[in-house]
Protein backbone atom coordinates (compact mmCIF):
# COMPACT_ATOMS: atom_id res chain seq x y z
CA UNK A 1 20.36 4.83 31.46
CA UNK A 2 19.03 1.13 30.38
CA UNK A 3 16.28 1.31 32.79
CA UNK A 4 15.13 4.75 31.46
CA UNK A 5 15.23 3.28 27.85
CA UNK A 6 13.11 0.25 28.85
CA UNK A 7 10.59 2.12 30.91
CA UNK A 8 10.13 5.01 28.41
CA UNK A 9 11.30 3.75 24.79
CA UNK A 10 9.46 6.44 22.90
CA UNK A 11 10.36 9.45 25.01
CA UNK A 12 13.41 10.28 23.01
CA UNK A 13 11.77 9.74 19.46
CA UNK A 14 8.70 11.88 20.39
CA UNK A 15 10.83 14.56 22.21
CA UNK A 16 13.03 14.85 19.03
CA UNK A 17 9.90 15.29 16.76
CA UNK A 18 10.99 12.62 14.33
CA UNK A 19 8.16 10.26 15.16
CA UNK A 20 5.42 12.60 13.93
CA UNK A 21 7.25 13.43 10.69
CA UNK A 22 7.88 9.68 9.89
CA UNK A 23 4.22 8.84 10.61
CA UNK A 24 3.36 11.70 8.08
CA UNK A 25 5.70 10.57 5.58
CA UNK A 26 4.44 6.98 5.81
CA UNK A 27 0.77 8.24 5.34
CA UNK A 28 1.76 10.20 2.41
CA UNK A 29 3.39 7.16 0.76
CA UNK A 30 0.51 5.01 1.54
CA UNK A 31 -2.17 7.41 0.17
CA UNK A 32 -0.05 8.06 -2.99
CA UNK A 33 0.28 4.25 -3.43
CA UNK A 34 -3.52 3.81 -3.16
CA UNK A 35 -4.22 6.82 -5.36
CA UNK A 36 -2.00 5.30 -8.17
CA UNK A 37 -3.51 1.95 -7.93
CA UNK A 38 -7.03 3.35 -8.11
CA UNK A 39 -6.15 5.68 -11.03
CA UNK A 40 -4.68 2.56 -12.77
CA UNK A 41 -7.10 -0.18 -11.85
CA UNK A 42 -10.52 1.49 -12.06
CA UNK A 43 -10.30 2.48 -15.94
CA UNK A 44 -8.87 -1.04 -16.54
CA UNK A 45 -11.87 -2.65 -14.69
CA UNK A 46 -14.36 -0.28 -16.59
CA UNK A 47 -12.70 -1.16 -20.10
CA UNK A 48 -12.74 -4.94 -19.27
CA UNK A 49 -16.43 -4.57 -18.67
CA UNK A 50 -17.06 -3.01 -21.88
CA UNK A 51 -14.88 -4.80 -24.16
CA UNK A 52 -14.40 -8.54 -24.59
CA UNK A 53 -10.94 -8.16 -26.28
CA UNK A 54 -9.45 -6.06 -23.38
CA UNK A 55 -11.13 -8.39 -20.89
CA UNK A 56 -9.31 -11.28 -22.51
CA UNK A 57 -6.03 -9.36 -22.73
CA UNK A 58 -6.04 -8.49 -19.21
CA UNK A 59 -7.74 -11.58 -17.81
CA UNK A 60 -4.74 -13.70 -18.99
CA UNK A 61 -2.38 -11.23 -16.86
CA UNK A 62 -4.46 -11.46 -13.75
CA UNK A 63 -4.78 -15.33 -14.02
CA UNK A 64 -1.15 -15.40 -13.43
CA UNK A 65 -1.72 -14.11 -9.76
CA UNK A 66 -4.63 -16.73 -9.05
CA UNK A 67 -2.28 -19.38 -7.79
CA UNK A 68 -0.94 -16.97 -5.03
CA UNK A 69 -2.87 -17.43 -1.82
CA UNK A 70 -4.70 -14.27 -0.55
CA UNK A 71 -2.92 -14.34 2.67
CA UNK A 72 0.53 -13.96 0.78
CA UNK A 73 -0.51 -10.56 -0.29
């Protein structure tokens, strides 16, 4: 029993069909999050480019995250 699990660890998961559905759910979540980020960030970026007041307002907020190293994201 243990030898079968060690040699074919994904056989049971693929055979049950849960792996494909879990991957699909994960992709939907990733794309939904990406879509929400784009819908939010692109208009903010455009407005920041057009208006100094909006740029100052959001720039202070974004500067809070500058001390965080990029690898921490």
